[in-house]
Amino acid sequence: MTGRHVFVLLILLMIICIINNMFTITQAYADSLRNALPQRIGNYNVEMKTDPTTPISGQNAKIFLKISSVNRDDLVDLPIIINISKDGFRQETTHPIFVPYGHYTDEFIFKEPGIYSLDVIILDDVYTGQNLTVTFPITVTTPLLGYFSNSSSSSVPFIATIVIIASTSGVILIYKRKRRAAKNIEHTGSSHEDRY
């Protein structure tokens, strides 16, 4: 196989990997939220997770909530209110939401990087007769740093692409150096024979 064939094959492999990364499938979990932040308040367990794990400013982020009783029973039509704020200033507030079977998903675009707080206010009329508030921190990064975050779900394809490009470049450089060294040895050998 010639150097040209190796080069074309590596370029084709890179294109296939890039196209494959464009169509990644995200997983959905039915009952539990994996890698979620758990908190307990009153008779409730509240879990929160974002996708991507570290949201990127200016891009859509999904917020997953799971609310259950301390006995791990999912609660039907529990009323909550969600507040998202940054530096003490409220960015968004929802009207009362009835959480069906303990699971709720919302989407939000964080406008700038920083640390936001997500307040989940449980309108608890059953157990205590008062509202309970659970606060979760959400760290939002810039678009450039979000791709390098280890916890970001988009970081794996991005890092894989960088590794593929770097390894391809390394193979090409090694191939060219070996080829150049072989030519130098061949050229040195023929000029050495001409002297005698």
N, C-alpha and C. Protein backbone atom coordinates (compact mmCIF):
# COMPACT_ATOMS: atom_id res chain seq x y z
N MET A 1 0.85 -1.16 0.00
CA MET A 1 0.00 0.00 0.00
C MET A 1 0.90 1.24 0.00
N THR A 2 0.62 2.16 -0.88
CA THR A 2 1.45 3.36 -1.00
C THR A 2 1.03 4.41 0.02
N GLY A 3 1.85 5.42 0.14
CA GLY A 3 1.56 6.51 1.08
C GLY A 3 0.29 7.23 0.73
N ARG A 4 0.03 7.34 -0.55
CA ARG A 4 -1.19 8.01 -0.99
C ARG A 4 -2.43 7.23 -0.55
N HIS A 5 -2.37 5.90 -0.65
CA HIS A 5 -3.49 5.06 -0.23
C HIS A 5 -3.72 5.18 1.28
N VAL A 6 -2.63 5.21 2.05
CA VAL A 6 -2.75 5.35 3.50
C VAL A 6 -3.39 6.69 3.85
N PHE A 7 -2.93 7.74 3.18
CA PHE A 7 -3.45 9.07 3.43
C PHE A 7 -4.95 9.14 3.11
N VAL A 8 -5.36 8.62 1.96
CA VAL A 8 -6.77 8.63 1.56
C VAL A 8 -7.60 7.81 2.55
N LEU A 9 -7.06 6.67 2.98
CA LEU A 9 -7.77 5.82 3.93
C LEU A 9 -7.96 6.54 5.27
N LEU A 10 -6.95 7.24 5.74
CA LEU A 10 -7.06 7.97 7.00
C LEU A 10 -8.04 9.14 6.89
N ILE A 11 -8.02 9.85 5.79
CA ILE A 11 -8.99 10.94 5.57
C ILE A 11 -10.41 10.38 5.56
N LEU A 12 -10.61 9.26 4.88
CA LEU A 12 -11.93 8.62 4.82
C LEU A 12 -12.38 8.20 6.22
N LEU A 13 -11.46 7.66 7.02
CA LEU A 13 -11.77 7.26 8.38
C LEU A 13 -12.16 8.48 9.23
N MET A 14 -11.45 9.59 9.07
CA MET A 14 -11.79 10.81 9.81
C MET A 14 -13.19 11.31 9.43
N ILE A 15 -13.52 11.29 8.15
CA ILE A 15 -14.83 11.75 7.70
C ILE A 15 -15.93 10.87 8.29
N ILE A 16 -15.72 9.56 8.29
CA ILE A 16 -16.72 8.64 8.85
C ILE A 16 -16.90 8.92 10.34
N CYS A 17 -15.81 9.14 11.07
CA CYS A 17 -15.90 9.42 12.51
C CYS A 17 -16.63 10.73 12.78
N ILE A 18 -16.36 11.75 11.99
CA ILE A 18 -17.02 13.03 12.19
C ILE A 18 -18.51 12.91 11.92
N ILE A 19 -18.88 12.22 10.84
CA ILE A 19 -20.30 12.02 10.54
C ILE A 19 -20.97 11.20 11.64
N ASN A 20 -20.28 10.19 12.14
CA ASN A 20 -20.82 9.37 13.23
C ASN A 20 -21.05 10.20 14.48
N ASN A 21 -20.15 11.14 14.79
CA ASN A 21 -20.30 11.99 15.97
C ASN A 21 -21.46 12.96 15.84
N MET A 22 -21.84 13.29 14.62
CA MET A 22 -22.93 14.22 14.41
C MET A 22 -24.27 13.59 14.77
N PHE A 23 -24.37 12.28 14.72
CA PHE A 23 -25.63 11.60 14.96
C PHE A 23 -25.54 10.70 16.19
N THR A 24 -25.16 11.28 17.31
CA THR A 24 -25.07 10.49 18.54
C THR A 24 -26.47 10.32 19.13
N ILE A 25 -26.66 9.23 19.83
CA ILE A 25 -27.94 8.93 20.44
C ILE A 25 -27.80 9.15 21.94
N THR A 26 -28.73 9.90 22.51
CA THR A 26 -28.71 10.09 23.95
C THR A 26 -29.62 9.06 24.59
N GLN A 27 -29.21 8.62 25.77
CA GLN A 27 -29.97 7.60 26.46
C GLN A 27 -31.02 8.25 27.35
N ALA A 28 -32.14 7.55 27.53
CA ALA A 28 -33.19 7.99 28.44
C ALA A 28 -33.40 6.91 29.48
N TYR A 29 -33.61 7.34 30.69
CA TYR A 29 -33.82 6.40 31.79
C TYR A 29 -35.23 6.57 32.32
N ALA A 30 -35.90 5.47 32.58
CA ALA A 30 -37.29 5.51 32.98
C ALA A 30 -37.48 5.98 34.41
N ASP A 31 -36.91 5.33 35.36
CA ASP A 31 -37.22 5.65 36.75
C ASP A 31 -36.15 6.48 37.44
N SER A 32 -34.93 6.02 37.43
CA SER A 32 -33.91 6.73 38.18
C SER A 32 -33.15 7.68 37.26
N LEU A 33 -32.64 8.73 37.88
CA LEU A 33 -31.78 9.65 37.15
C LEU A 33 -30.35 9.31 37.52
N ARG A 34 -29.60 8.84 36.56
CA ARG A 34 -28.20 8.49 36.84
C ARG A 34 -27.36 9.75 36.90
N ASN A 35 -26.42 9.74 37.82
CA ASN A 35 -25.51 10.87 38.03
C ASN A 35 -26.26 12.16 38.36
N ALA A 36 -27.38 12.03 39.05
CA ALA A 36 -28.17 13.19 39.44
C ALA A 36 -27.73 13.70 40.81
N LEU A 37 -28.01 14.97 41.06
CA LEU A 37 -27.76 15.55 42.38
C LEU A 37 -28.97 15.26 43.25
N PRO A 38 -28.81 14.48 44.32
CA PRO A 38 -29.96 14.19 45.20
C PRO A 38 -30.01 15.14 46.40
N GLN A 39 -31.22 15.45 46.83
CA GLN A 39 -31.42 16.21 48.05
C GLN A 39 -32.69 15.71 48.73
N ARG A 40 -32.70 15.80 50.04
CA ARG A 40 -33.88 15.41 50.81
C ARG A 40 -34.36 16.62 51.58
N ILE A 41 -35.66 16.86 51.50
CA ILE A 41 -36.27 17.93 52.28
C ILE A 41 -37.65 17.45 52.71
N GLY A 42 -37.90 17.54 53.99
CA GLY A 42 -39.18 17.05 54.52
C GLY A 42 -39.34 15.58 54.21
N ASN A 43 -40.47 15.23 53.64
CA ASN A 43 -40.76 13.83 53.26
C ASN A 43 -40.46 13.56 51.79
N TYR A 44 -39.62 14.39 51.18
CA TYR A 44 -39.37 14.28 49.74
C TYR A 44 -37.89 14.05 49.44
N ASN A 45 -37.66 13.24 48.44
CA ASN A 45 -36.34 13.11 47.82
C ASN A 45 -36.45 13.78 46.46
N VAL A 46 -35.56 14.70 46.19
CA VAL A 46 -35.57 15.42 44.92
C VAL A 46 -34.23 15.19 44.24
N GLU A 47 -34.26 14.80 42.96
CA GLU A 47 -33.05 14.59 42.18
C GLU A 47 -33.10 15.50 40.97
N MET A 48 -31.94 16.08 40.61
CA MET A 48 -31.86 16.96 39.45
C MET A 48 -30.65 16.57 38.62
N LYS A 49 -30.84 16.61 37.31
CA LYS A 49 -29.77 16.31 36.36
C LYS A 49 -29.95 17.21 35.15
N THR A 50 -28.84 17.61 34.54
CA THR A 50 -28.91 18.40 33.31
C THR A 50 -28.26 17.62 32.17
N ASP A 51 -28.69 17.92 30.98
CA ASP A 51 -28.08 17.34 29.78
C ASP A 51 -27.81 18.48 28.81
N PRO A 52 -26.56 18.81 28.55
CA PRO A 52 -25.34 18.16 28.99
C PRO A 52 -25.12 18.37 30.49
N THR A 53 -24.28 17.54 31.07
CA THR A 53 -24.04 17.59 32.51
C THR A 53 -23.56 18.97 32.94
N THR A 54 -22.68 19.56 32.15
CA THR A 54 -22.27 20.96 32.37
C THR A 54 -22.85 21.76 31.21
N PRO A 55 -23.95 22.47 31.44
CA PRO A 55 -24.56 23.23 30.34
C PRO A 55 -23.61 24.26 29.76
N ILE A 56 -23.84 24.59 28.49
CA ILE A 56 -23.01 25.54 27.76
C ILE A 56 -23.85 26.79 27.49
N SER A 57 -23.28 27.96 27.79
CA SER A 57 -24.03 29.20 27.62
C SER A 57 -24.44 29.39 26.17
N GLY A 58 -25.68 29.87 25.99
CA GLY A 58 -26.21 30.11 24.65
C GLY A 58 -26.77 28.88 23.97
N GLN A 59 -26.67 27.71 24.60
CA GLN A 59 -27.19 26.48 24.00
C GLN A 59 -28.27 25.90 24.89
N ASN A 60 -29.17 25.16 24.26
CA ASN A 60 -30.29 24.56 24.96
C ASN A 60 -29.80 23.48 25.93
N ALA A 61 -30.31 23.50 27.15
CA ALA A 61 -29.98 22.47 28.15
C ALA A 61 -31.28 21.89 28.69
N LYS A 62 -31.28 20.59 28.86
CA LYS A 62 -32.45 19.93 29.45
C LYS A 62 -32.23 19.77 30.94
N ILE A 63 -33.28 19.99 31.70
CA ILE A 63 -33.25 19.82 33.15
C ILE A 63 -34.23 18.72 33.50
N PHE A 64 -33.72 17.67 34.13
CA PHE A 64 -34.56 16.53 34.52
C PHE A 64 -34.74 16.57 36.03
N LEU A 65 -35.98 16.38 36.48
CA LEU A 65 -36.28 16.33 37.90
C LEU A 65 -36.99 15.03 38.22
N LYS A 66 -36.67 14.47 39.36
CA LYS A 66 -37.40 13.32 39.88
C LYS A 66 -37.71 13.64 41.33
N ILE A 67 -38.98 13.53 41.67
CA ILE A 67 -39.42 13.80 43.04
C ILE A 67 -40.16 12.57 43.54
N SER A 68 -39.71 12.07 44.66
CA SER A 68 -40.36 10.90 45.26
C SER A 68 -40.47 11.12 46.76
N SER A 69 -41.23 10.25 47.41
CA SER A 69 -41.31 10.31 48.86
C SER A 69 -40.06 9.67 49.44
N VAL A 70 -39.83 9.82 50.72
CA VAL A 70 -38.66 9.22 51.35
C VAL A 70 -38.72 7.69 51.27
N ASN A 71 -39.91 7.15 51.02
CA ASN A 71 -40.08 5.70 50.84
C ASN A 71 -39.81 5.29 49.39
N ARG A 72 -39.37 6.25 48.56
CA ARG A 72 -39.07 6.06 47.14
C ARG A 72 -40.32 5.82 46.29
N ASP A 73 -41.48 6.22 46.80
CA ASP A 73 -42.71 6.14 46.00
C ASP A 73 -42.81 7.38 45.14
N ASP A 74 -43.08 7.18 43.84
CA ASP A 74 -43.28 8.33 42.97
C ASP A 74 -44.60 8.99 43.33
N LEU A 75 -44.60 10.30 43.28
CA LEU A 75 -45.79 11.07 43.66
C LEU A 75 -46.53 11.50 42.41
N VAL A 76 -47.84 11.41 42.44
CA VAL A 76 -48.67 11.73 41.28
C VAL A 76 -49.17 13.16 41.41
N ASP A 77 -48.94 13.93 40.34
CA ASP A 77 -49.44 15.31 40.22
C ASP A 77 -49.07 16.19 41.41
N LEU A 78 -47.81 16.17 41.78
CA LEU A 78 -47.31 17.03 42.84
C LEU A 78 -47.07 18.42 42.27
N PRO A 79 -47.64 19.48 42.86
CA PRO A 79 -47.44 20.83 42.32
C PRO A 79 -46.08 21.41 42.75
N ILE A 80 -45.34 21.95 41.77
CA ILE A 80 -44.06 22.59 42.05
C ILE A 80 -43.96 23.90 41.25
N ILE A 81 -43.03 24.73 41.66
CA ILE A 81 -42.66 25.93 40.91
C ILE A 81 -41.14 25.89 40.77
N ILE A 82 -40.64 26.25 39.59
CA ILE A 82 -39.19 26.25 39.35
C ILE A 82 -38.72 27.69 39.15
N ASN A 83 -37.69 28.07 39.90
CA ASN A 83 -37.03 29.37 39.73
C ASN A 83 -35.59 29.12 39.33
N ILE A 84 -35.12 29.84 38.32
CA ILE A 84 -33.71 29.79 37.93
C ILE A 84 -33.17 31.20 38.11
N SER A 85 -32.08 31.31 38.89
CA SER A 85 -31.51 32.63 39.14
C SER A 85 -29.99 32.58 39.06
N LYS A 86 -29.40 33.75 38.82
CA LYS A 86 -27.94 33.89 38.76
C LYS A 86 -27.57 35.14 39.53
N ASP A 87 -26.63 35.01 40.45
CA ASP A 87 -26.16 36.13 41.27
C ASP A 87 -27.31 36.82 42.00
N GLY A 88 -28.31 36.06 42.41
CA GLY A 88 -29.43 36.61 43.15
C GLY A 88 -30.52 37.23 42.30
N PHE A 89 -30.33 37.27 40.99
CA PHE A 89 -31.34 37.83 40.10
C PHE A 89 -32.07 36.71 39.38
N ARG A 90 -33.37 36.72 39.47
CA ARG A 90 -34.19 35.66 38.90
C ARG A 90 -34.20 35.76 37.37
N GLN A 91 -33.88 34.64 36.71
CA GLN A 91 -33.85 34.58 35.25
C GLN A 91 -35.18 34.05 34.69
N GLU A 92 -35.76 33.09 35.41
CA GLU A 92 -37.02 32.50 34.94
C GLU A 92 -37.78 31.91 36.12
N THR A 93 -39.09 32.05 36.06
CA THR A 93 -39.99 31.45 37.05
C THR A 93 -41.14 30.81 36.30
N THR A 94 -41.50 29.61 36.71
CA THR A 94 -42.64 28.93 36.07
C THR A 94 -43.90 29.17 36.90
N HIS A 95 -45.02 28.95 36.27
CA HIS A 95 -46.28 28.88 36.99
C HIS A 95 -46.31 27.51 37.67
N PRO A 96 -47.25 27.26 38.56
CA PRO A 96 -47.30 25.93 39.18
C PRO A 96 -47.40 24.82 38.12
N ILE A 97 -46.56 23.82 38.30
CA ILE A 97 -46.49 22.68 37.38
C ILE A 97 -46.89 21.45 38.18
N PHE A 98 -47.76 20.62 37.62
CA PHE A 98 -48.12 19.37 38.27
C PHE A 98 -47.22 18.28 37.69
N VAL A 99 -46.35 17.74 38.53
CA VAL A 99 -45.36 16.76 38.10
C VAL A 99 -46.03 15.39 37.99
N PRO A 100 -46.13 14.86 36.77
CA PRO A 100 -46.80 13.56 36.61
C PRO A 100 -45.88 12.41 37.02
N TYR A 101 -46.31 11.62 37.95
CA TYR A 101 -45.61 10.41 38.40
C TYR A 101 -44.17 10.69 38.82
N GLY A 102 -43.93 11.85 39.38
CA GLY A 102 -42.63 12.15 39.96
C GLY A 102 -41.54 12.56 39.00
N HIS A 103 -41.83 12.65 37.71
CA HIS A 103 -40.80 13.00 36.72
C HIS A 103 -41.22 14.26 35.96
N TYR A 104 -40.24 15.15 35.76
CA TYR A 104 -40.50 16.36 34.99
C TYR A 104 -39.24 16.75 34.23
N THR A 105 -39.41 17.19 32.99
CA THR A 105 -38.30 17.64 32.14
C THR A 105 -38.62 19.04 31.64
N ASP A 106 -37.64 19.92 31.71
CA ASP A 106 -37.80 21.28 31.21
C ASP A 106 -36.54 21.62 30.41
N GLU A 107 -36.65 22.62 29.55
CA GLU A 107 -35.51 23.07 28.77
C GLU A 107 -35.26 24.54 29.07
N PHE A 108 -33.99 24.91 29.07
CA PHE A 108 -33.63 26.29 29.37
C PHE A 108 -32.34 26.63 28.64
N ILE A 109 -32.24 27.86 28.17
CA ILE A 109 -31.01 28.35 27.56
C ILE A 109 -30.38 29.34 28.54
N PHE A 110 -29.22 28.97 29.05
CA PHE A 110 -28.48 29.83 29.96
C PHE A 110 -27.73 30.85 29.10
N LYS A 111 -27.98 32.14 29.33
CA LYS A 111 -27.46 33.17 28.45
C LYS A 111 -25.98 33.43 28.60
N GLU A 112 -25.44 33.26 29.81
CA GLU A 112 -24.02 33.55 30.04
C GLU A 112 -23.44 32.53 31.01
N PRO A 113 -22.13 32.34 30.97
CA PRO A 113 -21.50 31.37 31.88
C PRO A 113 -21.56 31.85 33.32
N GLY A 114 -21.45 30.90 34.24
CA GLY A 114 -21.45 31.22 35.66
C GLY A 114 -22.16 30.13 36.45
N ILE A 115 -22.42 30.42 37.71
CA ILE A 115 -23.12 29.47 38.56
C ILE A 115 -24.55 29.97 38.77
N TYR A 116 -25.49 29.15 38.39
CA TYR A 116 -26.91 29.45 38.53
C TYR A 116 -27.46 28.62 39.68
N SER A 117 -28.58 29.07 40.23
CA SER A 117 -29.27 28.25 41.22
C SER A 117 -30.64 27.89 40.68
N LEU A 118 -30.96 26.62 40.81
CA LEU A 118 -32.26 26.11 40.39
C LEU A 118 -33.04 25.80 41.66
N ASP A 119 -34.08 26.56 41.90
CA ASP A 119 -34.92 26.35 43.09
C ASP A 119 -36.16 25.57 42.67
N VAL A 120 -36.39 24.46 43.34
CA VAL A 120 -37.61 23.68 43.13
C VAL A 120 -38.45 23.91 44.38
N ILE A 121 -39.58 24.59 44.21
CA ILE A 121 -40.48 24.87 45.32
C ILE A 121 -41.62 23.87 45.27
N ILE A 122 -41.68 23.03 46.29
CA ILE A 122 -42.74 22.03 46.37
C ILE A 122 -43.90 22.65 47.15
N LEU A 123 -45.04 22.76 46.48
CA LEU A 123 -46.23 23.30 47.12
C LEU A 123 -46.86 22.17 47.92
N ASP A 124 -46.40 22.01 49.15
CA ASP A 124 -46.73 20.86 49.98
C ASP A 124 -47.93 21.16 50.87
N ASP A 125 -49.08 20.70 50.45
CA ASP A 125 -50.28 20.85 51.25
C ASP A 125 -50.59 19.58 52.02
N VAL A 126 -50.01 18.46 51.62
CA VAL A 126 -50.35 17.17 52.20
C VAL A 126 -49.66 16.95 53.54
N TYR A 127 -48.32 17.05 53.58
CA TYR A 127 -47.58 16.68 54.78
C TYR A 127 -47.45 17.83 55.78
N THR A 128 -46.99 18.98 55.32
CA THR A 128 -46.67 20.05 56.26
C THR A 128 -47.57 21.27 56.12
N GLY A 129 -48.22 21.42 55.00
CA GLY A 129 -49.06 22.59 54.79
C GLY A 129 -48.27 23.84 54.44
N GLN A 130 -46.98 23.69 54.13
CA GLN A 130 -46.16 24.83 53.75
C GLN A 130 -45.34 24.49 52.51
N ASN A 131 -44.76 25.51 51.92
CA ASN A 131 -43.93 25.29 50.74
C ASN A 131 -42.50 24.90 51.17
N LEU A 132 -41.93 23.95 50.45
CA LEU A 132 -40.56 23.51 50.72
C LEU A 132 -39.71 23.86 49.50
N THR A 133 -38.52 24.39 49.73
CA THR A 133 -37.64 24.79 48.63
C THR A 133 -36.35 23.99 48.66
N VAL A 134 -36.01 23.42 47.51
CA VAL A 134 -34.75 22.71 47.32
C VAL A 134 -33.96 23.50 46.29
N THR A 135 -32.68 23.76 46.58
CA THR A 135 -31.84 24.54 45.67
C THR A 135 -30.71 23.68 45.14
N PHE A 136 -30.54 23.69 43.82
CA PHE A 136 -29.45 22.96 43.17
C PHE A 136 -28.55 23.95 42.44
N PRO A 137 -27.24 23.81 42.56
CA PRO A 137 -26.33 24.66 41.78
C PRO A 137 -26.15 24.08 40.38
N ILE A 138 -26.08 24.96 39.39
CA ILE A 138 -25.81 24.55 38.01
C ILE A 138 -24.66 25.41 37.49
N THR A 139 -23.56 24.77 37.13
CA THR A 139 -22.41 25.48 36.58
C THR A 139 -22.52 25.49 35.06
N VAL A 140 -22.49 26.68 34.50
CA VAL A 140 -22.60 26.86 33.04
C VAL A 140 -21.26 27.37 32.53
N THR A 141 -20.76 26.75 31.46
CA THR A 141 -19.47 27.14 30.90
C THR A 141 -19.65 27.86 29.57
N THR A 142 -18.55 28.44 29.09
CA THR A 142 -18.55 29.08 27.78
C THR A 142 -18.57 27.99 26.72
N PRO A 143 -18.95 28.31 25.49
CA PRO A 143 -18.98 27.28 24.45
C PRO A 143 -17.64 26.58 24.26
N LEU A 144 -16.53 27.28 24.31
CA LEU A 144 -15.23 26.65 24.11
C LEU A 144 -14.89 25.72 25.26
N LEU A 145 -15.04 26.17 26.50
CA LEU A 145 -14.71 25.34 27.66
C LEU A 145 -15.67 24.18 27.83
N GLY A 146 -16.90 24.33 27.37
CA GLY A 146 -17.88 23.25 27.50
C GLY A 146 -17.49 22.00 26.74
N TYR A 147 -16.77 22.15 25.65
CA TYR A 147 -16.35 20.98 24.88
C TYR A 147 -15.23 20.22 25.57
N PHE A 148 -14.48 20.89 26.44
CA PHE A 148 -13.38 20.24 27.12
C PHE A 148 -13.75 19.73 28.50
N SER A 149 -14.97 20.00 28.94
CA SER A 149 -15.40 19.56 30.26
C SER A 149 -15.54 18.04 30.27
N ASN A 150 -14.96 17.39 31.28
CA ASN A 150 -15.06 15.94 31.38
C ASN A 150 -16.47 15.48 31.61
N SER A 151 -17.31 16.32 32.21
CA SER A 151 -18.64 15.89 32.53
C SER A 151 -19.64 16.19 31.43
N SER A 152 -19.23 16.87 30.41
CA SER A 152 -20.13 17.19 29.34
C SER A 152 -20.37 16.00 28.44
N SER A 153 -21.63 15.81 28.07
CA SER A 153 -21.94 14.67 27.21
C SER A 153 -21.43 14.88 25.79
N SER A 154 -21.18 16.14 25.41
CA SER A 154 -20.67 16.40 24.08
C SER A 154 -19.15 16.31 24.02
N SER A 155 -18.48 16.11 25.14
CA SER A 155 -17.03 16.12 25.14
C SER A 155 -16.43 14.85 24.55
N VAL A 156 -17.12 13.72 24.67
CA VAL A 156 -16.57 12.46 24.18
C VAL A 156 -16.36 12.49 22.66
N PRO A 157 -17.37 12.85 21.86
CA PRO A 157 -17.12 12.91 20.41
C PRO A 157 -16.07 13.94 20.03
N PHE A 158 -16.05 15.07 20.72
CA PHE A 158 -15.11 16.12 20.41
C PHE A 158 -13.68 15.66 20.69
N ILE A 159 -13.47 15.07 21.85
CA ILE A 159 -12.14 14.57 22.21
C ILE A 159 -11.73 13.43 21.29
N ALA A 160 -12.68 12.56 20.93
CA ALA A 160 -12.37 11.46 20.01
C ALA A 160 -11.92 12.00 18.66
N THR A 161 -12.57 13.05 18.19
CA THR A 161 -12.18 13.66 16.91
C THR A 161 -10.76 14.23 17.00
N ILE A 162 -10.44 14.90 18.10
CA ILE A 162 -9.09 15.45 18.27
C ILE A 162 -8.05 14.34 18.29
N VAL A 163 -8.35 13.24 19.00
CA VAL A 163 -7.41 12.11 19.07
C VAL A 163 -7.21 11.50 17.68
N ILE A 164 -8.28 11.36 16.92
CA ILE A 164 -8.18 10.78 15.57
C ILE A 164 -7.33 11.67 14.67
N ILE A 165 -7.56 12.97 14.72
CA ILE A 165 -6.79 13.90 13.89
C ILE A 165 -5.32 13.88 14.29
N ALA A 166 -5.05 13.90 15.60
CA ALA A 166 -3.67 13.90 16.07
C ALA A 166 -2.96 12.59 15.70
N SER A 167 -3.64 11.46 15.87
CA SER A 167 -2.99 10.19 15.53
C SER A 167 -2.78 10.06 14.02
N THR A 168 -3.71 10.56 13.23
CA THR A 168 -3.54 10.54 11.78
C THR A 168 -2.35 11.39 11.37
N SER A 169 -2.25 12.56 11.95
CA SER A 169 -1.11 13.44 11.64
C SER A 169 0.21 12.78 12.05
N GLY A 170 0.21 12.13 13.21
CA GLY A 170 1.42 11.43 13.67
C GLY A 170 1.83 10.32 12.74
N VAL A 171 0.86 9.52 12.27
CA VAL A 171 1.16 8.42 11.34
C VAL A 171 1.73 8.97 10.04
N ILE A 172 1.14 10.05 9.55
CA ILE A 172 1.62 10.64 8.30
C ILE A 172 3.04 11.16 8.47
N LEU A 173 3.33 11.85 9.58
CA LEU A 173 4.67 12.37 9.81
C LEU A 173 5.70 11.24 9.93
N ILE A 174 5.37 10.20 10.66
CA ILE A 174 6.29 9.06 10.80
C ILE A 174 6.53 8.41 9.45
N TYR A 175 5.48 8.24 8.66
CA TYR A 175 5.61 7.63 7.34
C TYR A 175 6.53 8.47 6.45
N LYS A 176 6.32 9.80 6.47
CA LYS A 176 7.15 10.68 5.63
C LYS A 176 8.61 10.66 6.08
N ARG A 177 8.87 10.63 7.39
CA ARG A 177 10.25 10.60 7.89
C ARG A 177 10.94 9.30 7.50
N LYS A 178 10.25 8.18 7.62
CA LYS A 178 10.84 6.90 7.23
C LYS A 178 11.13 6.88 5.74
N ARG A 179 10.23 7.42 4.97
CA ARG A 179 10.41 7.45 3.53
C ARG A 179 11.60 8.35 3.16
N ARG A 180 11.71 9.50 3.80
CA ARG A 180 12.81 10.43 3.56
C ARG A 180 14.13 9.80 4.00
N ALA A 181 14.13 9.10 5.14
CA ALA A 181 15.34 8.44 5.63
C ALA A 181 15.77 7.35 4.65
N ALA A 182 14.81 6.61 4.11
CA ALA A 182 15.14 5.56 3.15
C ALA A 182 15.75 6.17 1.88
N LYS A 183 15.23 7.30 1.42
CA LYS A 183 15.80 7.97 0.25
C LYS A 183 17.20 8.47 0.54
N ASN A 184 17.42 9.01 1.75
CA ASN A 184 18.75 9.50 2.11
C ASN A 184 19.75 8.35 2.16
N ILE A 185 19.37 7.22 2.70
CA ILE A 185 20.26 6.06 2.76
C ILE A 185 20.55 5.58 1.35
N GLU A 186 19.53 5.53 0.50
CA GLU A 186 19.71 5.09 -0.89
C GLU A 186 20.62 6.07 -1.63
N HIS A 187 20.40 7.37 -1.42
CA HIS A 187 21.21 8.39 -2.08
C HIS A 187 22.65 8.36 -1.55
N THR A 188 22.83 8.20 -0.25
CA THR A 188 24.16 8.13 0.36
C THR A 188 24.89 6.89 -0.12
N GLY A 189 24.21 5.79 -0.23
CA GLY A 189 24.83 4.55 -0.69
C GLY A 189 25.33 4.65 -2.12
N SER A 190 24.56 5.27 -3.02
CA SER A 190 24.97 5.36 -4.41
C SER A 190 26.12 6.36 -4.58
N SER A 191 26.14 7.45 -3.82
CA SER A 191 27.25 8.42 -3.94
C SER A 191 28.51 7.84 -3.31
N HIS A 192 28.36 6.99 -2.31
CA HIS A 192 29.51 6.36 -1.68
C HIS A 192 30.15 5.37 -2.65
N GLU A 193 29.34 4.66 -3.45
CA GLU A 193 29.88 3.69 -4.42
C GLU A 193 30.59 4.41 -5.56
N ASP A 194 30.14 5.63 -5.91
CA ASP A 194 30.76 6.37 -7.00
C ASP A 194 32.19 6.78 -6.66
N ARG A 195 32.52 6.94 -5.40
CA ARG A 195 33.85 7.36 -4.98
C ARG A 195 34.88 6.27 -5.21
N TYR A 196 34.49 5.00 -5.09
CA TYR A 196 35.47 3.92 -5.20
C TYR A 196 35.59 3.42 -6.58
